[in-house]
């Protein structure tokens, strides 16, 4: 019976992670597109709010399922104990980073380029861990890779934003 619950919460965690990846990726893309003309109109703002609301649902699903997995695996004597792996705790660290960056972004304590990049990369890294792509890496390597990818993503996203916004700025300057 407890193994069924572990499978259920593992599946919920994966679904929440997929949702987080999808919504954070679409939010970043649509934010760049919405702000490309220099103004985010009310329809674009409404759509972005829906995406962020969906992210606020995906995050608790991942957090609650992670806590449930921790509790269940510690309650099963002689069980698999996946919660004792470095990848599991790196995933928990990424979840905390996603939540903290989301909160600081909401309170405008962190610049958008830092928080959005950290959350986007955090969701993608969490998916990579859930799918087993980082199974051979230790905790420190995963966290260092996350930090490196966050700055790399910030640079790439910043360049893409500049590329989208540059024609608008050039058009205004020539008038």
N, C-alpha and C. Protein backbone atom coordinates (compact mmCIF):
# COMPACT_ATOMS: atom_id res chain seq x y z
N UNK A 1 0.81 -1.21 0.00
CA UNK A 1 0.00 0.00 0.00
C UNK A 1 0.85 1.27 0.00
N UNK A 2 1.89 1.40 0.87
CA UNK A 2 2.70 2.61 0.83
C UNK A 2 3.42 2.80 -0.49
N UNK A 3 3.76 1.69 -1.17
CA UNK A 3 4.43 1.81 -2.46
C UNK A 3 3.51 2.46 -3.50
N UNK A 4 2.21 2.20 -3.38
CA UNK A 4 1.25 2.85 -4.27
C UNK A 4 1.24 4.36 -4.04
N UNK A 5 1.34 4.76 -2.78
CA UNK A 5 1.37 6.19 -2.47
C UNK A 5 2.67 6.83 -2.96
N UNK A 6 3.77 6.10 -2.86
CA UNK A 6 5.05 6.62 -3.37
C UNK A 6 4.95 6.82 -4.88
N UNK A 7 4.38 5.86 -5.58
CA UNK A 7 4.20 5.99 -7.03
C UNK A 7 3.27 7.16 -7.35
N UNK A 8 2.20 7.30 -6.58
CA UNK A 8 1.25 8.39 -6.80
C UNK A 8 1.92 9.76 -6.60
N UNK A 9 2.63 9.92 -5.49
CA UNK A 9 3.28 11.20 -5.23
C UNK A 9 4.45 11.46 -6.17
N UNK A 10 5.12 10.39 -6.60
CA UNK A 10 6.17 10.55 -7.62
C UNK A 10 5.58 11.04 -8.93
N UNK A 11 4.43 10.48 -9.31
CA UNK A 11 3.75 10.92 -10.53
C UNK A 11 3.27 12.36 -10.39
N UNK A 12 2.70 12.71 -9.24
CA UNK A 12 2.27 14.10 -9.01
C UNK A 12 3.45 15.05 -9.10
N UNK A 13 4.58 14.63 -8.55
CA UNK A 13 5.79 15.47 -8.60
C UNK A 13 6.21 15.69 -10.05
N UNK A 14 6.19 14.64 -10.84
CA UNK A 14 6.58 14.74 -12.25
C UNK A 14 5.59 15.62 -13.03
N UNK A 15 4.30 15.45 -12.78
CA UNK A 15 3.29 16.28 -13.45
C UNK A 15 3.47 17.74 -13.07
N UNK A 16 3.68 18.00 -11.77
CA UNK A 16 3.91 19.38 -11.32
C UNK A 16 5.16 19.97 -11.93
N UNK A 17 6.19 19.16 -12.07
CA UNK A 17 7.43 19.63 -12.68
C UNK A 17 7.23 19.93 -14.16
N UNK A 18 6.55 19.04 -14.89
CA UNK A 18 6.25 19.32 -16.29
C UNK A 18 5.45 20.61 -16.43
N UNK A 19 4.47 20.80 -15.57
CA UNK A 19 3.67 22.02 -15.61
C UNK A 19 4.54 23.24 -15.32
N UNK A 20 5.42 23.14 -14.33
CA UNK A 20 6.31 24.25 -14.01
C UNK A 20 7.24 24.60 -15.16
N UNK A 21 7.78 23.58 -15.83
CA UNK A 21 8.64 23.81 -16.99
C UNK A 21 7.85 24.49 -18.10
N UNK A 22 6.68 23.96 -18.40
CA UNK A 22 5.88 24.52 -19.49
C UNK A 22 5.46 25.96 -19.19
N UNK A 23 4.92 26.19 -18.01
CA UNK A 23 4.42 27.53 -17.70
C UNK A 23 5.54 28.54 -17.57
N UNK A 24 6.67 28.16 -16.97
CA UNK A 24 7.76 29.12 -16.84
C UNK A 24 8.38 29.44 -18.21
N UNK A 25 8.46 28.43 -19.08
CA UNK A 25 8.99 28.66 -20.42
C UNK A 25 8.05 29.57 -21.23
N UNK A 26 6.76 29.25 -21.20
CA UNK A 26 5.80 30.10 -21.92
C UNK A 26 5.74 31.49 -21.34
N UNK A 27 5.83 31.61 -20.02
CA UNK A 27 5.81 32.94 -19.40
C UNK A 27 6.99 33.77 -19.87
N UNK A 28 8.16 33.17 -19.95
CA UNK A 28 9.34 33.90 -20.41
C UNK A 28 9.19 34.32 -21.87
N UNK A 29 8.73 33.40 -22.70
CA UNK A 29 8.55 33.69 -24.13
C UNK A 29 7.51 34.80 -24.32
N UNK A 30 6.38 34.66 -23.65
CA UNK A 30 5.31 35.65 -23.84
C UNK A 30 5.64 36.99 -23.20
N UNK A 31 6.46 36.97 -22.15
CA UNK A 31 6.89 38.25 -21.58
C UNK A 31 7.77 39.00 -22.58
N UNK A 32 8.70 38.28 -23.19
CA UNK A 32 9.57 38.90 -24.20
C UNK A 32 8.73 39.43 -25.36
N UNK A 33 7.78 38.62 -25.80
CA UNK A 33 6.92 39.04 -26.91
C UNK A 33 6.04 40.22 -26.52
N UNK A 34 5.46 40.17 -25.32
CA UNK A 34 4.56 41.23 -24.88
C UNK A 34 5.29 42.56 -24.71
N UNK A 35 6.50 42.51 -24.20
CA UNK A 35 7.24 43.73 -23.94
C UNK A 35 8.06 44.20 -25.14
N UNK A 36 8.01 43.47 -26.25
CA UNK A 36 8.84 43.82 -27.41
C UNK A 36 8.46 45.16 -28.02
N UNK A 37 7.21 45.58 -27.86
CA UNK A 37 6.81 46.88 -28.39
C UNK A 37 6.98 48.01 -27.37
N UNK A 38 7.54 47.67 -26.23
CA UNK A 38 7.80 48.69 -25.21
C UNK A 38 6.67 48.85 -24.21
N UNK A 39 5.51 48.23 -24.47
CA UNK A 39 4.35 48.36 -23.60
C UNK A 39 3.69 46.99 -23.46
N UNK A 40 3.33 46.65 -22.23
CA UNK A 40 2.56 45.44 -21.98
C UNK A 40 1.11 45.89 -21.83
N UNK A 41 0.27 45.59 -22.84
CA UNK A 41 -1.12 46.05 -22.78
C UNK A 41 -1.95 45.18 -21.85
N UNK A 42 -3.22 45.52 -21.67
CA UNK A 42 -4.04 44.83 -20.68
C UNK A 42 -4.30 43.38 -21.06
N UNK A 43 -4.40 43.05 -22.34
CA UNK A 43 -4.61 41.66 -22.75
C UNK A 43 -3.35 40.82 -22.51
N UNK A 44 -2.20 41.39 -22.82
CA UNK A 44 -0.94 40.69 -22.56
C UNK A 44 -0.73 40.50 -21.06
N UNK A 45 -1.05 41.51 -20.29
CA UNK A 45 -0.91 41.43 -18.84
C UNK A 45 -1.84 40.35 -18.26
N UNK A 46 -3.06 40.28 -18.78
CA UNK A 46 -4.03 39.27 -18.33
C UNK A 46 -3.50 37.87 -18.62
N UNK A 47 -2.95 37.68 -19.83
CA UNK A 47 -2.41 36.37 -20.20
C UNK A 47 -1.22 36.00 -19.32
N UNK A 48 -0.34 36.96 -19.08
CA UNK A 48 0.81 36.69 -18.21
C UNK A 48 0.36 36.37 -16.78
N UNK A 49 -0.66 37.05 -16.31
CA UNK A 49 -1.19 36.75 -14.96
C UNK A 49 -1.71 35.32 -14.89
N UNK A 50 -2.38 34.86 -15.95
CA UNK A 50 -2.86 33.47 -15.98
C UNK A 50 -1.70 32.48 -15.93
N UNK A 51 -0.65 32.78 -16.68
CA UNK A 51 0.53 31.90 -16.66
C UNK A 51 1.15 31.86 -15.27
N UNK A 52 1.28 33.02 -14.64
CA UNK A 52 1.87 33.05 -13.30
C UNK A 52 0.95 32.39 -12.27
N UNK A 53 -0.34 32.49 -12.46
CA UNK A 53 -1.27 31.80 -11.55
C UNK A 53 -1.11 30.30 -11.70
N UNK A 54 -0.95 29.82 -12.93
CA UNK A 54 -0.72 28.40 -13.16
C UNK A 54 0.58 27.95 -12.51
N UNK A 55 1.60 28.81 -12.57
CA UNK A 55 2.86 28.49 -11.88
C UNK A 55 2.66 28.41 -10.38
N UNK A 56 1.77 29.24 -9.86
CA UNK A 56 1.52 29.22 -8.42
C UNK A 56 0.72 27.98 -8.02
N UNK A 57 0.19 27.26 -8.97
CA UNK A 57 -0.45 25.97 -8.68
C UNK A 57 0.56 24.83 -8.83
N UNK A 58 1.41 24.90 -9.85
CA UNK A 58 2.41 23.85 -10.08
C UNK A 58 3.41 23.77 -8.93
N UNK A 59 3.80 24.91 -8.39
CA UNK A 59 4.80 24.93 -7.33
C UNK A 59 4.33 24.19 -6.07
N UNK A 60 3.13 24.47 -5.54
CA UNK A 60 2.70 23.71 -4.36
C UNK A 60 2.53 22.21 -4.62
N UNK A 61 2.14 21.85 -5.84
CA UNK A 61 2.03 20.42 -6.17
C UNK A 61 3.40 19.75 -6.01
N UNK A 62 4.43 20.40 -6.52
CA UNK A 62 5.78 19.84 -6.41
C UNK A 62 6.25 19.84 -4.95
N UNK A 63 6.00 20.90 -4.22
CA UNK A 63 6.43 20.98 -2.82
C UNK A 63 5.72 19.93 -1.98
N UNK A 64 4.41 19.83 -2.11
CA UNK A 64 3.65 18.87 -1.29
C UNK A 64 4.01 17.44 -1.65
N UNK A 65 4.16 17.15 -2.93
CA UNK A 65 4.53 15.78 -3.31
C UNK A 65 5.94 15.44 -2.84
N UNK A 66 6.84 16.41 -2.83
CA UNK A 66 8.20 16.15 -2.32
C UNK A 66 8.17 15.85 -0.82
N UNK A 67 7.42 16.63 -0.09
CA UNK A 67 7.30 16.39 1.36
C UNK A 67 6.65 15.03 1.62
N UNK A 68 5.63 14.70 0.85
CA UNK A 68 4.97 13.40 1.00
C UNK A 68 5.94 12.26 0.70
N UNK A 69 6.77 12.41 -0.33
CA UNK A 69 7.76 11.37 -0.65
C UNK A 69 8.77 11.19 0.47
N UNK A 70 9.20 12.31 1.06
CA UNK A 70 10.15 12.23 2.18
C UNK A 70 9.52 11.46 3.34
N UNK A 71 8.32 11.83 3.71
CA UNK A 71 7.64 11.19 4.84
C UNK A 71 7.39 9.72 4.56
N UNK A 72 6.86 9.41 3.38
CA UNK A 72 6.55 8.02 3.06
C UNK A 72 7.79 7.14 3.01
N UNK A 73 8.85 7.62 2.40
CA UNK A 73 10.04 6.78 2.29
C UNK A 73 10.73 6.57 3.62
N UNK A 74 10.61 7.50 4.53
CA UNK A 74 11.17 7.29 5.86
C UNK A 74 10.29 6.38 6.70
N UNK A 75 9.01 6.28 6.38
CA UNK A 75 8.11 5.42 7.13
C UNK A 75 8.18 3.96 6.71
N UNK A 76 8.66 3.69 5.52
CA UNK A 76 8.73 2.32 5.02
C UNK A 76 10.05 1.69 5.46
N UNK A 77 10.00 0.72 6.35
CA UNK A 77 11.25 0.07 6.77
C UNK A 77 11.82 -0.79 5.65
N UNK A 78 13.11 -0.64 5.42
CA UNK A 78 13.77 -1.44 4.40
C UNK A 78 13.37 -1.05 2.98
N UNK A 79 12.80 0.12 2.81
CA UNK A 79 12.36 0.58 1.49
C UNK A 79 13.54 1.06 0.66
N UNK A 80 13.23 1.58 -0.49
CA UNK A 80 14.25 1.98 -1.46
C UNK A 80 15.07 3.18 -1.01
N UNK A 81 14.48 4.07 -0.26
CA UNK A 81 15.16 5.26 0.28
C UNK A 81 15.77 6.15 -0.79
N UNK A 82 14.99 6.49 -1.79
CA UNK A 82 15.46 7.43 -2.81
C UNK A 82 15.72 8.81 -2.21
N UNK A 83 15.11 9.07 -1.06
CA UNK A 83 15.30 10.39 -0.45
C UNK A 83 16.70 10.56 0.13
N UNK A 84 17.47 9.51 0.16
CA UNK A 84 18.84 9.61 0.67
C UNK A 84 19.86 9.94 -0.42
N UNK A 85 19.40 10.15 -1.64
CA UNK A 85 20.32 10.41 -2.74
C UNK A 85 20.62 11.90 -2.88
N UNK A 86 21.78 12.19 -3.44
CA UNK A 86 22.18 13.58 -3.67
C UNK A 86 21.25 14.26 -4.67
N UNK A 87 20.77 13.51 -5.65
CA UNK A 87 19.89 14.10 -6.65
C UNK A 87 18.57 14.54 -6.03
N UNK A 88 18.04 13.75 -5.11
CA UNK A 88 16.79 14.12 -4.46
C UNK A 88 16.95 15.41 -3.68
N UNK A 89 18.05 15.53 -2.94
CA UNK A 89 18.24 16.74 -2.13
C UNK A 89 18.63 17.94 -2.99
N UNK A 90 19.27 17.70 -4.12
CA UNK A 90 19.51 18.80 -5.05
C UNK A 90 18.17 19.29 -5.61
N UNK A 91 17.27 18.36 -5.89
CA UNK A 91 15.94 18.74 -6.36
C UNK A 91 15.21 19.57 -5.31
N UNK A 92 15.35 19.19 -4.04
CA UNK A 92 14.69 19.96 -2.98
C UNK A 92 15.29 21.36 -2.87
N UNK A 93 16.59 21.45 -3.06
CA UNK A 93 17.26 22.75 -3.05
C UNK A 93 16.76 23.62 -4.20
N UNK A 94 16.59 23.01 -5.36
CA UNK A 94 16.07 23.75 -6.51
C UNK A 94 14.64 24.23 -6.27
N UNK A 95 13.84 23.40 -5.63
CA UNK A 95 12.47 23.80 -5.29
C UNK A 95 12.49 25.01 -4.36
N UNK A 96 13.36 24.98 -3.37
CA UNK A 96 13.48 26.12 -2.45
C UNK A 96 13.93 27.37 -3.22
N UNK A 97 14.88 27.20 -4.13
CA UNK A 97 15.36 28.34 -4.93
C UNK A 97 14.23 28.91 -5.79
N UNK A 98 13.44 28.04 -6.41
CA UNK A 98 12.32 28.49 -7.23
C UNK A 98 11.33 29.29 -6.40
N UNK A 99 11.00 28.77 -5.23
CA UNK A 99 10.05 29.46 -4.35
C UNK A 99 10.61 30.79 -3.87
N UNK A 100 11.88 30.80 -3.44
CA UNK A 100 12.48 32.04 -2.93
C UNK A 100 12.63 33.09 -4.03
N UNK A 101 13.08 32.68 -5.21
CA UNK A 101 13.19 33.65 -6.30
C UNK A 101 11.82 34.16 -6.73
N UNK A 102 10.82 33.30 -6.71
CA UNK A 102 9.46 33.74 -7.03
C UNK A 102 8.95 34.75 -6.03
N UNK A 103 9.24 34.50 -4.75
CA UNK A 103 8.79 35.42 -3.70
C UNK A 103 9.52 36.76 -3.79
N UNK A 104 10.84 36.71 -4.00
CA UNK A 104 11.58 37.97 -4.10
C UNK A 104 11.24 38.75 -5.36
N UNK A 105 10.89 38.04 -6.43
CA UNK A 105 10.45 38.72 -7.65
C UNK A 105 9.11 39.40 -7.41
N UNK A 106 8.23 38.69 -6.73
CA UNK A 106 6.91 39.25 -6.44
C UNK A 106 7.02 40.52 -5.59
N UNK A 107 7.96 40.52 -4.64
CA UNK A 107 8.15 41.69 -3.78
C UNK A 107 9.11 42.72 -4.36
N UNK A 108 9.56 42.46 -5.60
CA UNK A 108 10.47 43.35 -6.33
C UNK A 108 11.79 43.58 -5.59
N UNK A 109 12.28 42.52 -4.95
CA UNK A 109 13.56 42.59 -4.24
C UNK A 109 14.70 42.04 -5.08
N UNK A 110 14.37 41.36 -6.16
CA UNK A 110 15.37 40.77 -7.05
C UNK A 110 15.09 41.28 -8.46
N UNK A 111 16.12 41.63 -9.21
CA UNK A 111 15.89 42.06 -10.59
C UNK A 111 15.23 40.95 -11.41
N UNK A 112 14.41 41.36 -12.36
CA UNK A 112 13.68 40.40 -13.19
C UNK A 112 14.62 39.43 -13.89
N UNK A 113 15.73 39.93 -14.44
CA UNK A 113 16.62 39.07 -15.21
C UNK A 113 17.22 37.97 -14.36
N UNK A 114 17.47 38.23 -13.08
CA UNK A 114 18.04 37.22 -12.19
C UNK A 114 16.97 36.19 -11.81
N UNK A 115 15.85 36.70 -11.31
CA UNK A 115 14.81 35.80 -10.79
C UNK A 115 14.18 34.95 -11.89
N UNK A 116 13.86 35.56 -13.02
CA UNK A 116 13.21 34.77 -14.08
C UNK A 116 14.16 33.70 -14.62
N UNK A 117 15.43 34.04 -14.77
CA UNK A 117 16.41 33.05 -15.24
C UNK A 117 16.60 31.94 -14.22
N UNK A 118 16.69 32.30 -12.95
CA UNK A 118 16.88 31.29 -11.90
C UNK A 118 15.69 30.35 -11.81
N UNK A 119 14.49 30.90 -11.95
CA UNK A 119 13.30 30.03 -11.88
C UNK A 119 13.17 29.16 -13.13
N UNK A 120 13.42 29.72 -14.29
CA UNK A 120 13.34 28.95 -15.53
C UNK A 120 14.35 27.79 -15.52
N UNK A 121 15.58 28.09 -15.19
CA UNK A 121 16.61 27.04 -15.13
C UNK A 121 16.30 26.05 -14.01
N UNK A 122 15.78 26.55 -12.89
CA UNK A 122 15.42 25.66 -11.78
C UNK A 122 14.39 24.62 -12.18
N UNK A 123 13.35 25.07 -12.89
CA UNK A 123 12.33 24.12 -13.35
C UNK A 123 12.91 23.11 -14.34
N UNK A 124 13.73 23.56 -15.27
CA UNK A 124 14.32 22.64 -16.24
C UNK A 124 15.28 21.66 -15.58
N UNK A 125 16.07 22.14 -14.61
CA UNK A 125 16.98 21.24 -13.89
C UNK A 125 16.19 20.22 -13.07
N UNK A 126 15.09 20.66 -12.47
CA UNK A 126 14.24 19.76 -11.70
C UNK A 126 13.67 18.67 -12.60
N UNK A 127 13.27 19.04 -13.80
CA UNK A 127 12.78 18.04 -14.75
C UNK A 127 13.90 17.07 -15.14
N UNK A 128 15.09 17.58 -15.37
CA UNK A 128 16.22 16.71 -15.72
C UNK A 128 16.52 15.72 -14.59
N UNK A 129 16.41 16.18 -13.35
CA UNK A 129 16.62 15.28 -12.20
C UNK A 129 15.51 14.25 -12.15
N UNK A 130 14.27 14.69 -12.29
CA UNK A 130 13.13 13.76 -12.23
C UNK A 130 13.20 12.69 -13.32
N UNK A 131 13.71 13.06 -14.49
CA UNK A 131 13.79 12.11 -15.59
C UNK A 131 15.07 11.27 -15.55
N UNK A 132 15.94 11.54 -14.58
CA UNK A 132 17.14 10.73 -14.39
C UNK A 132 18.35 11.14 -15.19
N UNK A 133 18.30 12.30 -15.82
CA UNK A 133 19.43 12.74 -16.64
C UNK A 133 20.65 13.16 -15.81
N UNK A 134 20.44 13.48 -14.55
CA UNK A 134 21.56 13.91 -13.71
C UNK A 134 21.87 12.88 -12.62
N UNK A 135 21.54 11.62 -12.89
CA UNK A 135 21.70 10.57 -11.90
C UNK A 135 23.15 10.31 -11.51
N UNK A 136 24.09 10.60 -12.37
CA UNK A 136 25.49 10.30 -12.07
C UNK A 136 26.21 11.48 -11.41
N UNK A 137 25.51 12.58 -11.17
CA UNK A 137 26.14 13.76 -10.58
C UNK A 137 25.83 13.86 -9.09
N UNK A 138 26.76 14.44 -8.35
CA UNK A 138 26.56 14.67 -6.93
C UNK A 138 25.84 15.98 -6.67
N UNK A 139 25.53 16.23 -5.42
CA UNK A 139 24.79 17.42 -5.01
C UNK A 139 25.51 18.70 -5.43
N UNK A 140 26.77 18.82 -5.09
CA UNK A 140 27.52 20.04 -5.39
C UNK A 140 27.62 20.28 -6.89
N UNK A 141 27.86 19.23 -7.65
CA UNK A 141 27.95 19.38 -9.11
C UNK A 141 26.63 19.87 -9.70
N UNK A 142 25.51 19.34 -9.21
CA UNK A 142 24.20 19.76 -9.73
C UNK A 142 23.94 21.22 -9.39
N UNK A 143 24.24 21.63 -8.16
CA UNK A 143 24.00 23.01 -7.75
C UNK A 143 24.92 23.97 -8.50
N UNK A 144 26.18 23.60 -8.69
CA UNK A 144 27.10 24.45 -9.45
C UNK A 144 26.65 24.55 -10.92
N UNK A 145 26.19 23.45 -11.47
CA UNK A 145 25.67 23.44 -12.83
C UNK A 145 24.45 24.35 -12.94
N UNK A 146 23.59 24.32 -11.91
CA UNK A 146 22.41 25.20 -11.87
C UNK A 146 22.83 26.67 -11.86
N UNK A 147 23.80 27.01 -11.05
CA UNK A 147 24.27 28.40 -10.98
C UNK A 147 24.86 28.84 -12.32
N UNK A 148 25.69 27.98 -12.91
CA UNK A 148 26.29 28.29 -14.22
C UNK A 148 25.21 28.47 -15.29
N UNK A 149 24.26 27.55 -15.35
CA UNK A 149 23.19 27.64 -16.35
C UNK A 149 22.29 28.85 -16.11
N UNK A 150 22.11 29.24 -14.85
CA UNK A 150 21.30 30.42 -14.56
C UNK A 150 21.93 31.67 -15.16
N UNK A 151 23.23 31.84 -14.98
CA UNK A 151 23.89 33.01 -15.56
C UNK A 151 23.95 32.93 -17.08
N UNK A 152 24.15 31.73 -17.60
CA UNK A 152 24.15 31.55 -19.05
C UNK A 152 22.76 31.89 -19.62
N UNK A 153 21.72 31.39 -18.98
CA UNK A 153 20.35 31.69 -19.43
C UNK A 153 20.05 33.17 -19.32
N UNK A 154 20.51 33.81 -18.24
CA UNK A 154 20.29 35.25 -18.09
C UNK A 154 20.93 36.01 -19.24
N UNK A 155 22.12 35.60 -19.65
CA UNK A 155 22.78 36.25 -20.77
C UNK A 155 22.06 36.03 -22.08
N UNK A 156 21.65 34.79 -22.33
CA UNK A 156 20.95 34.47 -23.58
C UNK A 156 19.59 35.17 -23.62
N UNK A 157 18.84 35.09 -22.53
CA UNK A 157 17.53 35.73 -22.49
C UNK A 157 17.68 37.25 -22.60
N UNK A 158 18.69 37.80 -21.96
CA UNK A 158 18.94 39.24 -22.08
C UNK A 158 19.25 39.64 -23.51
N UNK A 159 20.03 38.83 -24.19
CA UNK A 159 20.34 39.10 -25.59
C UNK A 159 19.09 39.01 -26.46
N UNK A 160 18.26 38.00 -26.21
CA UNK A 160 17.02 37.84 -26.98
C UNK A 160 16.09 39.02 -26.73
N UNK A 161 15.99 39.46 -25.49
CA UNK A 161 15.16 40.63 -25.19
C UNK A 161 15.68 41.86 -25.93
N UNK A 162 16.97 42.05 -25.90
CA UNK A 162 17.56 43.19 -26.60
C UNK A 162 17.30 43.10 -28.10
N UNK A 163 17.42 41.91 -28.64
CA UNK A 163 17.18 41.68 -30.06
C UNK A 163 15.74 42.02 -30.43
N UNK A 164 14.77 41.60 -29.57
CA UNK A 164 13.37 41.91 -29.83
C UNK A 164 13.07 43.38 -29.62
N UNK A 165 13.70 43.98 -28.62
CA UNK A 165 13.38 45.36 -28.27
C UNK A 165 14.15 46.36 -29.12
N UNK A 166 15.23 45.96 -29.71
CA UNK A 166 16.07 46.89 -30.47
C UNK A 166 15.34 47.53 -31.65
N UNK A 167 14.58 46.78 -32.46
CA UNK A 167 13.87 47.44 -33.57
C UNK A 167 12.91 48.53 -33.08
N UNK A 168 12.28 48.29 -31.95
CA UNK A 168 11.37 49.29 -31.39
C UNK A 168 12.14 50.55 -31.00
N UNK A 169 13.27 50.39 -30.37
CA UNK A 169 14.05 51.54 -29.93
C UNK A 169 14.65 52.26 -31.13
N UNK A 170 15.06 51.54 -32.16
CA UNK A 170 15.61 52.15 -33.35
C UNK A 170 14.54 52.95 -34.09
N UNK A 171 13.30 52.41 -34.13
CA UNK A 171 12.21 53.09 -34.83
C UNK A 171 11.87 54.42 -34.14
N UNK A 172 11.87 54.42 -32.81
CA UNK A 172 11.58 55.67 -32.08
C UNK A 172 12.68 56.69 -32.28
N UNK A 173 13.93 56.24 -32.33
CA UNK A 173 15.06 57.15 -32.45
C UNK A 173 15.14 57.80 -33.82
N UNK A 174 14.57 57.18 -34.85
CA UNK A 174 14.67 57.72 -36.21
C UNK A 174 13.57 58.72 -36.53
N UNK A 175 12.58 58.84 -35.67
CA UNK A 175 11.47 59.76 -35.95
C UNK A 175 11.80 61.17 -35.58
